[in-house]
Amino acid sequence: MSKTQDRAKFCSQMQLLSVSEVADILGITQRHVYRLIANGQIIAPIKIVRSFRFRRSDIELWISMDCPSRKKFEASKKGVKK
């Protein structure tokens, strides 16, 4: 199995979304997702090699919270876990 196939299988098992998939869910461009990442306006992505991935559950929670900034999301997420 190639590294690309291994990565795809891992992402599938972990329910990780690509920037493209997140863009589709949000109805915006991939470039806009990268801008949101850079400005801290979207949840922190997971960096795998040279690509960003997002946990599906975190994206769904972030959307249900009306898309707060990364800082607010992380603070409220910590409060939920306690």
PDB file of N, CA and C in Angstrom:
ATOM      1  N   MET A   1       0.843  -1.173   0.000  1.00  0.00           N
ATOM      2  CA  MET A   1       0.000   0.000   0.000  1.00  0.00           C
ATOM      3  C   MET A   1       0.895   1.246   0.000  1.00  0.00           C
ATOM      4  N   SER A   2       0.550   2.223  -0.821  1.00  0.00           N
ATOM      5  CA  SER A   2       1.361   3.441  -0.923  1.00  0.00           C
ATOM      6  C   SER A   2       1.082   4.386   0.252  1.00  0.00           C
ATOM      7  N   LYS A   3       1.945   5.376   0.412  1.00  0.00           N
ATOM      8  CA  LYS A   3       1.762   6.358   1.478  1.00  0.00           C
ATOM      9  C   LYS A   3       0.459   7.129   1.292  1.00  0.00           C
ATOM     10  N   THR A   4       0.120   7.427   0.043  1.00  0.00           N
ATOM     11  CA  THR A   4      -1.118   8.153  -0.240  1.00  0.00           C
ATOM     12  C   THR A   4      -2.324   7.333   0.166  1.00  0.00           C
ATOM     13  N   GLN A   5      -2.297   6.035  -0.131  1.00  0.00           N
ATOM     14  CA  GLN A   5      -3.399   5.151   0.249  1.00  0.00           C
ATOM     15  C   GLN A   5      -3.478   5.017   1.763  1.00  0.00           C
ATOM     16  N   ASP A   6      -2.327   4.925   2.432  1.00  0.00           N
ATOM     17  CA  ASP A   6      -2.294   4.848   3.896  1.00  0.00           C
ATOM     18  C   ASP A   6      -2.916   6.100   4.508  1.00  0.00           C
ATOM     19  N   ARG A   7      -2.545   7.269   3.984  1.00  0.00           N
ATOM     20  CA  ARG A   7      -3.060   8.540   4.499  1.00  0.00           C
ATOM     21  C   ARG A   7      -4.567   8.620   4.296  1.00  0.00           C
ATOM     22  N   ALA A   8      -5.041   8.211   3.129  1.00  0.00           N
ATOM     23  CA  ALA A   8      -6.470   8.256   2.833  1.00  0.00           C
ATOM     24  C   ALA A   8      -7.248   7.329   3.763  1.00  0.00           C
ATOM     25  N   LYS A   9      -6.696   6.150   4.016  1.00  0.00           N
ATOM     26  CA  LYS A   9      -7.352   5.196   4.908  1.00  0.00           C
ATOM     27  C   LYS A   9      -7.402   5.747   6.332  1.00  0.00           C
ATOM     28  N   PHE A  10      -6.297   6.339   6.794  1.00  0.00           N
ATOM     29  CA  PHE A  10      -6.235   6.922   8.132  1.00  0.00           C
ATOM     30  C   PHE A  10      -7.268   8.040   8.274  1.00  0.00           C
ATOM     31  N   CYS A  11      -7.328   8.922   7.288  1.00  0.00           N
ATOM     32  CA  CYS A  11      -8.263  10.050   7.336  1.00  0.00           C
ATOM     33  C   CYS A  11      -9.707   9.564   7.336  1.00  0.00           C
ATOM     34  N   SER A  12      -9.969   8.528   6.582  1.00  0.00           N
ATOM     35  CA  SER A  12     -11.306   7.962   6.528  1.00  0.00           C
ATOM     36  C   SER A  12     -11.703   7.366   7.873  1.00  0.00           C
ATOM     37  N   GLN A  13     -10.806   6.638   8.495  1.00  0.00           N
ATOM     38  CA  GLN A  13     -11.089   6.017   9.790  1.00  0.00           C
ATOM     39  C   GLN A  13     -11.280   7.059  10.883  1.00  0.00           C
ATOM     40  N   MET A  14     -10.522   8.127  10.829  1.00  0.00           N
ATOM     41  CA  MET A  14     -10.590   9.178  11.842  1.00  0.00           C
ATOM     42  C   MET A  14     -11.686  10.198  11.528  1.00  0.00           C
ATOM     43  N   GLN A  15     -12.371  10.030  10.424  1.00  0.00           N
ATOM     44  CA  GLN A  15     -13.373  10.967   9.946  1.00  0.00           C
ATOM     45  C   GLN A  15     -12.790  12.374   9.860  1.00  0.00           C
ATOM     46  N   LEU A  16     -11.665  12.461   9.163  1.00  0.00           N
ATOM     47  CA  LEU A  16     -11.010  13.736   8.944  1.00  0.00           C
ATOM     48  C   LEU A  16     -11.415  14.291   7.586  1.00  0.00           C
ATOM     49  N   LEU A  17     -11.670  15.580   7.550  1.00  0.00           N
ATOM     50  CA  LEU A  17     -12.096  16.245   6.322  1.00  0.00           C
ATOM     51  C   LEU A  17     -10.955  17.066   5.743  1.00  0.00           C
ATOM     52  N   SER A  18     -10.863  17.088   4.446  1.00  0.00           N
ATOM     53  CA  SER A  18      -9.870  17.919   3.761  1.00  0.00           C
ATOM     54  C   SER A  18     -10.366  19.360   3.683  1.00  0.00           C
ATOM     55  N   VAL A  19      -9.498  20.258   3.299  1.00  0.00           N
ATOM     56  CA  VAL A  19      -9.881  21.657   3.106  1.00  0.00           C
ATOM     57  C   VAL A  19     -10.978  21.746   2.049  1.00  0.00           C
ATOM     58  N   SER A  20     -10.862  20.953   1.008  1.00  0.00           N
ATOM     59  CA  SER A  20     -11.869  20.936  -0.048  1.00  0.00           C
ATOM     60  C   SER A  20     -13.239  20.517   0.489  1.00  0.00           C
ATOM     61  N   GLU A  21     -13.261  19.481   1.322  1.00  0.00           N
ATOM     62  CA  GLU A  21     -14.531  19.008   1.894  1.00  0.00           C
ATOM     63  C   GLU A  21     -15.138  20.044   2.841  1.00  0.00           C
ATOM     64  N   VAL A  22     -14.293  20.695   3.633  1.00  0.00           N
ATOM     65  CA  VAL A  22     -14.778  21.743   4.540  1.00  0.00           C
ATOM     66  C   VAL A  22     -15.329  22.913   3.723  1.00  0.00           C
ATOM     67  N   ALA A  23     -14.642  23.282   2.664  1.00  0.00           N
ATOM     68  CA  ALA A  23     -15.117  24.359   1.793  1.00  0.00           C
ATOM     69  C   ALA A  23     -16.493  24.026   1.225  1.00  0.00           C
ATOM     70  N   ASP A  24     -16.677  22.786   0.792  1.00  0.00           N
ATOM     71  CA  ASP A  24     -17.974  22.359   0.256  1.00  0.00           C
ATOM     72  C   ASP A  24     -19.070  22.447   1.316  1.00  0.00           C
ATOM     73  N   ILE A  25     -18.761  22.001   2.527  1.00  0.00           N
ATOM     74  CA  ILE A  25     -19.737  22.039   3.620  1.00  0.00           C
ATOM     75  C   ILE A  25     -20.138  23.478   3.928  1.00  0.00           C
ATOM     76  N   LEU A  26     -19.158  24.374   3.948  1.00  0.00           N
ATOM     77  CA  LEU A  26     -19.418  25.766   4.304  1.00  0.00           C
ATOM     78  C   LEU A  26     -19.914  26.608   3.126  1.00  0.00           C
ATOM     79  N   GLY A  27     -19.789  26.076   1.921  1.00  0.00           N
ATOM     80  CA  GLY A  27     -20.226  26.818   0.739  1.00  0.00           C
ATOM     81  C   GLY A  27     -19.298  27.973   0.394  1.00  0.00           C
ATOM     82  N   ILE A  28     -18.001  27.754   0.627  1.00  0.00           N
ATOM     83  CA  ILE A  28     -16.996  28.775   0.322  1.00  0.00           C
ATOM     84  C   ILE A  28     -15.873  28.125  -0.484  1.00  0.00           C
ATOM     85  N   THR A  29     -14.908  28.928  -0.931  1.00  0.00           N
ATOM     86  CA  THR A  29     -13.794  28.391  -1.699  1.00  0.00           C
ATOM     87  C   THR A  29     -12.718  27.830  -0.766  1.00  0.00           C
ATOM     88  N   GLN A  30     -11.861  26.991  -1.329  1.00  0.00           N
ATOM     89  CA  GLN A  30     -10.732  26.464  -0.556  1.00  0.00           C
ATOM     90  C   GLN A  30      -9.823  27.608  -0.106  1.00  0.00           C
ATOM     91  N   ARG A  31      -9.634  28.575  -0.982  1.00  0.00           N
ATOM     92  CA  ARG A  31      -8.790  29.719  -0.636  1.00  0.00           C
ATOM     93  C   ARG A  31      -9.339  30.450   0.597  1.00  0.00           C
ATOM     94  N   HIS A  32     -10.657  30.572   0.652  1.00  0.00           N
ATOM     95  CA  HIS A  32     -11.267  31.242   1.804  1.00  0.00           C
ATOM     96  C   HIS A  32     -11.037  30.430   3.084  1.00  0.00           C
ATOM     97  N   VAL A  33     -11.080  29.106   2.995  1.00  0.00           N
ATOM     98  CA  VAL A  33     -10.796  28.262   4.162  1.00  0.00           C
ATOM     99  C   VAL A  33      -9.370  28.526   4.640  1.00  0.00           C
ATOM    100  N   TYR A  34      -8.415  28.606   3.716  1.00  0.00           N
ATOM    101  CA  TYR A  34      -7.035  28.897   4.104  1.00  0.00           C
ATOM    102  C   TYR A  34      -6.916  30.269   4.772  1.00  0.00           C
ATOM    103  N   ARG A  35      -7.683  31.237   4.287  1.00  0.00           N
ATOM    104  CA  ARG A  35      -7.687  32.566   4.920  1.00  0.00           C
ATOM    105  C   ARG A  35      -8.243  32.481   6.338  1.00  0.00           C
ATOM    106  N   LEU A  36      -9.312  31.714   6.514  1.00  0.00           N
ATOM    107  CA  LEU A  36      -9.899  31.541   7.848  1.00  0.00           C
ATOM    108  C   LEU A  36      -8.900  30.889   8.801  1.00  0.00           C
ATOM    109  N   ILE A  37      -8.147  29.919   8.305  1.00  0.00           N
ATOM    110  CA  ILE A  37      -7.118  29.262   9.117  1.00  0.00           C
ATOM    111  C   ILE A  37      -6.072  30.290   9.534  1.00  0.00           C
ATOM    112  N   ALA A  38      -5.576  31.051   8.578  1.00  0.00           N
ATOM    113  CA  ALA A  38      -4.514  32.028   8.832  1.00  0.00           C
ATOM    114  C   ALA A  38      -4.948  33.114   9.816  1.00  0.00           C
ATOM    115  N   ASN A  39      -6.227  33.476   9.776  1.00  0.00           N
ATOM    116  CA  ASN A  39      -6.740  34.542  10.636  1.00  0.00           C
ATOM    117  C   ASN A  39      -7.322  34.042  11.953  1.00  0.00           C
ATOM    118  N   GLY A  40      -7.287  32.734  12.186  1.00  0.00           N
ATOM    119  CA  GLY A  40      -7.813  32.187  13.432  1.00  0.00           C
ATOM    120  C   GLY A  40      -9.322  32.246  13.533  1.00  0.00           C
ATOM    121  N   GLN A  41      -9.989  32.260  12.381  1.00  0.00           N
ATOM    122  CA  GLN A  41     -11.445  32.371  12.369  1.00  0.00           C
ATOM    123  C   GLN A  41     -12.146  31.021  12.207  1.00  0.00           C
ATOM    124  N   ILE A  42     -11.377  29.970  12.112  1.00  0.00           N
ATOM    125  CA  ILE A  42     -11.936  28.620  12.013  1.00  0.00           C
ATOM    126  C   ILE A  42     -11.152  27.752  12.993  1.00  0.00           C
ATOM    127  N   ILE A  43     -11.717  26.624  13.344  1.00  0.00           N
ATOM    128  CA  ILE A  43     -11.042  25.751  14.310  1.00  0.00           C
ATOM    129  C   ILE A  43      -9.658  25.344  13.812  1.00  0.00           C
ATOM    130  N   ALA A  44      -8.808  24.998  14.748  1.00  0.00           N
ATOM    131  CA  ALA A  44      -7.441  24.606  14.401  1.00  0.00           C
ATOM    132  C   ALA A  44      -7.442  23.293  13.617  1.00  0.00           C
ATOM    133  N   PRO A  45      -6.804  23.301  12.463  1.00  0.00           N
ATOM    134  CA  PRO A  45      -6.722  22.064  11.680  1.00  0.00           C
ATOM    135  C   PRO A  45      -5.610  21.158  12.206  1.00  0.00           C
ATOM    136  N   ILE A  46      -5.647  19.926  11.766  1.00  0.00           N
ATOM    137  CA  ILE A  46      -4.583  18.966  12.037  1.00  0.00           C
ATOM    138  C   ILE A  46      -3.700  18.964  10.804  1.00  0.00           C
ATOM    139  N   LYS A  47      -2.414  19.131  10.971  1.00  0.00           N
ATOM    140  CA  LYS A  47      -1.519  19.133   9.818  1.00  0.00           C
ATOM    141  C   LYS A  47      -0.950  17.722   9.642  1.00  0.00           C
ATOM    142  N   ILE A  48      -1.188  17.150   8.483  1.00  0.00           N
ATOM    143  CA  ILE A  48      -0.675  15.822   8.141  1.00  0.00           C
ATOM    144  C   ILE A  48       0.207  16.013   6.911  1.00  0.00           C
ATOM    145  N   VAL A  49       1.484  15.800   7.098  1.00  0.00           N
ATOM    146  CA  VAL A  49       2.490  16.030   6.072  1.00  0.00           C
ATOM    147  C   VAL A  49       2.361  17.480   5.589  1.00  0.00           C
ATOM    148  N   ARG A  50       1.869  17.696   4.364  1.00  0.00           N
ATOM    149  CA  ARG A  50       1.738  19.057   3.847  1.00  0.00           C
ATOM    150  C   ARG A  50       0.284  19.456   3.632  1.00  0.00           C
ATOM    151  N   SER A  51      -0.628  18.796   4.312  1.00  0.00           N
ATOM    152  CA  SER A  51      -2.038  19.133   4.120  1.00  0.00           C
ATOM    153  C   SER A  51      -2.724  19.328   5.473  1.00  0.00           C
ATOM    154  N   PHE A  52      -3.810  20.067   5.441  1.00  0.00           N
ATOM    155  CA  PHE A  52      -4.614  20.297   6.635  1.00  0.00           C
ATOM    156  C   PHE A  52      -5.820  19.372   6.613  1.00  0.00           C
ATOM    157  N   ARG A  53      -6.193  18.891   7.779  1.00  0.00           N
ATOM    158  CA  ARG A  53      -7.401  18.082   7.942  1.00  0.00           C
ATOM    159  C   ARG A  53      -8.157  18.606   9.155  1.00  0.00           C
ATOM    160  N   PHE A  54      -9.467  18.386   9.146  1.00  0.00           N
ATOM    161  CA  PHE A  54     -10.331  18.806  10.246  1.00  0.00           C
ATOM    162  C   PHE A  54     -11.141  17.602  10.707  1.00  0.00           C
ATOM    163  N   ARG A  55     -11.303  17.477  12.023  1.00  0.00           N
ATOM    164  CA  ARG A  55     -12.176  16.415  12.543  1.00  0.00           C
ATOM    165  C   ARG A  55     -13.615  16.776  12.179  1.00  0.00           C
ATOM    166  N   ARG A  56     -14.338  15.806  11.621  1.00  0.00           N
ATOM    167  CA  ARG A  56     -15.726  16.043  11.225  1.00  0.00           C
ATOM    168  C   ARG A  56     -16.544  16.499  12.435  1.00  0.00           C
ATOM    169  N   SER A  57     -16.345  15.856  13.582  1.00  0.00           N
ATOM    170  CA  SER A  57     -17.121  16.205  14.776  1.00  0.00           C
ATOM    171  C   SER A  57     -16.847  17.634  15.224  1.00  0.00           C
ATOM    172  N   ASP A  58     -15.595  18.099  15.100  1.00  0.00           N
ATOM    173  CA  ASP A  58     -15.269  19.481  15.472  1.00  0.00           C
ATOM    174  C   ASP A  58     -15.905  20.485  14.519  1.00  0.00           C
ATOM    175  N   ILE A  59     -15.895  20.181  13.229  1.00  0.00           N
ATOM    176  CA  ILE A  59     -16.531  21.074  12.247  1.00  0.00           C
ATOM    177  C   ILE A  59     -18.030  21.164  12.523  1.00  0.00           C
ATOM    178  N   GLU A  60     -18.664  20.019  12.793  1.00  0.00           N
ATOM    179  CA  GLU A  60     -20.100  20.017  13.072  1.00  0.00           C
ATOM    180  C   GLU A  60     -20.419  20.813  14.331  1.00  0.00           C
ATOM    181  N   LEU A  61     -19.595  20.651  15.388  1.00  0.00           N
ATOM    182  CA  LEU A  61     -19.781  21.407  16.625  1.00  0.00           C
ATOM    183  C   LEU A  61     -19.557  22.891  16.380  1.00  0.00           C
ATOM    184  N   TRP A  62     -18.505  23.233  15.639  1.00  0.00           N
ATOM    185  CA  TRP A  62     -18.184  24.625  15.324  1.00  0.00           C
ATOM    186  C   TRP A  62     -19.340  25.295  14.591  1.00  0.00           C
ATOM    187  N   ILE A  63     -19.920  24.598  13.631  1.00  0.00           N
ATOM    188  CA  ILE A  63     -21.060  25.142  12.879  1.00  0.00           C
ATOM    189  C   ILE A  63     -22.263  25.315  13.806  1.00  0.00           C
ATOM    190  N   SER A  64     -22.516  24.329  14.667  1.00  0.00           N
ATOM    191  CA  SER A  64     -23.662  24.414  15.578  1.00  0.00           C
ATOM    192  C   SER A  64     -23.516  25.552  16.586  1.00  0.00           C
ATOM    193  N   MET A  65     -22.282  25.998  16.815  1.00  0.00           N
ATOM    194  CA  MET A  65     -22.014  27.114  17.735  1.00  0.00           C
ATOM    195  C   MET A  65     -21.982  28.452  16.990  1.00  0.00           C
ATOM    196  N   ASP A  66     -22.449  28.477  15.752  1.00  0.00           N
ATOM    197  CA  ASP A  66     -22.470  29.676  14.902  1.00  0.00           C
ATOM    198  C   ASP A  66     -21.075  30.160  14.522  1.00  0.00           C
ATOM    199  N   CYS A  67     -20.164  29.232  14.308  1.00  0.00           N
ATOM    200  CA  CYS A  67     -18.840  29.509  13.757  1.00  0.00           C
ATOM    201  C   CYS A  67     -18.032  30.557  14.544  1.00  0.00           C
ATOM    202  N   PRO A  68     -17.779  30.308  15.829  1.00  0.00           N
ATOM    203  CA  PRO A  68     -16.984  31.270  16.608  1.00  0.00           C
ATOM    204  C   PRO A  68     -15.518  31.254  16.183  1.00  0.00           C
ATOM    205  N   SER A  69     -14.750  32.230  16.646  1.00  0.00           N
ATOM    206  CA  SER A  69     -13.317  32.246  16.361  1.00  0.00           C
ATOM    207  C   SER A  69     -12.664  31.022  16.995  1.00  0.00           C
ATOM    208  N   ARG A  70     -11.473  30.706  16.548  1.00  0.00           N
ATOM    209  CA  ARG A  70     -10.738  29.555  17.079  1.00  0.00           C
ATOM    210  C   ARG A  70     -10.572  29.671  18.597  1.00  0.00           C
ATOM    211  N   LYS A  71     -10.222  30.860  19.064  1.00  0.00           N
ATOM    212  CA  LYS A  71      -9.990  31.081  20.487  1.00  0.00           C
ATOM    213  C   LYS A  71     -11.254  30.813  21.308  1.00  0.00           C
ATOM    214  N   LYS A  72     -12.389  31.347  20.859  1.00  0.00           N
ATOM    215  CA  LYS A  72     -13.656  31.126  21.565  1.00  0.00           C
ATOM    216  C   LYS A  72     -14.072  29.663  21.505  1.00  0.00           C
ATOM    217  N   PHE A  73     -13.865  29.038  20.343  1.00  0.00           N
ATOM    218  CA  PHE A  73     -14.233  27.630  20.186  1.00  0.00           C
ATOM    219  C   PHE A  73     -13.435  26.760  21.139  1.00  0.00           C
ATOM    220  N   GLU A  74     -12.119  26.954  21.177  1.00  0.00           N
ATOM    221  CA  GLU A  74     -11.269  26.145  22.043  1.00  0.00           C
ATOM    222  C   GLU A  74     -11.624  26.360  23.513  1.00  0.00           C
ATOM    223  N   ALA A  75     -11.920  27.603  23.900  1.00  0.00           N
ATOM    224  CA  ALA A  75     -12.286  27.891  25.287  1.00  0.00           C
ATOM    225  C   ALA A  75     -13.592  27.195  25.658  1.00  0.00           C
ATOM    226  N   SER A  76     -14.581  27.250  24.785  1.00  0.00           N
ATOM    227  CA  SER A  76     -15.862  26.613  25.082  1.00  0.00           C
ATOM    228  C   SER A  76     -15.755  25.098  25.017  1.00  0.00           C
ATOM    229  N   LYS A  77     -14.895  24.589  24.137  1.00  0.00           N
ATOM    230  CA  LYS A  77     -14.707  23.145  24.036  1.00  0.00           C
ATOM    231  C   LYS A  77     -14.071  22.595  25.312  1.00  0.00           C
ATOM    232  N   LYS A  78     -13.145  23.340  25.897  1.00  0.00           N
ATOM    233  CA  LYS A  78     -12.529  22.927  27.152  1.00  0.00           C
ATOM    234  C   LYS A  78     -13.567  22.933  28.269  1.00  0.00           C
ATOM    235  N   GLY A  79     -14.456  23.905  28.247  1.00  0.00           N
ATOM    236  CA  GLY A  79     -15.515  23.987  29.248  1.00  0.00           C
ATOM    237  C   GLY A  79     -16.493  22.832  29.150  1.00  0.00           C
ATOM    238  N   VAL A  80     -16.738  22.330  27.933  1.00  0.00           N
ATOM    239  CA  VAL A  80     -17.633  21.207  27.716  1.00  0.00           C
ATOM    240  C   VAL A  80     -17.037  19.930  28.259  1.00  0.00           C
ATOM    241  N   LYS A  81     -15.716  19.765  28.136  1.00  0.00           N
ATOM    242  CA  LYS A  81     -15.055  18.534  28.562  1.00  0.00           C
ATOM    243  C   LYS A  81     -15.017  18.389  30.076  1.00  0.00           C
ATOM    244  N   LYS A  82     -15.015  19.500  30.821  1.00  0.00           N
ATOM    245  CA  LYS A  82     -14.902  19.450  32.265  1.00  0.00           C
ATOM    246  C   LYS A  82     -16.134  18.993  32.941  1.00  0.00           C
TER     247      LYS A  82
END
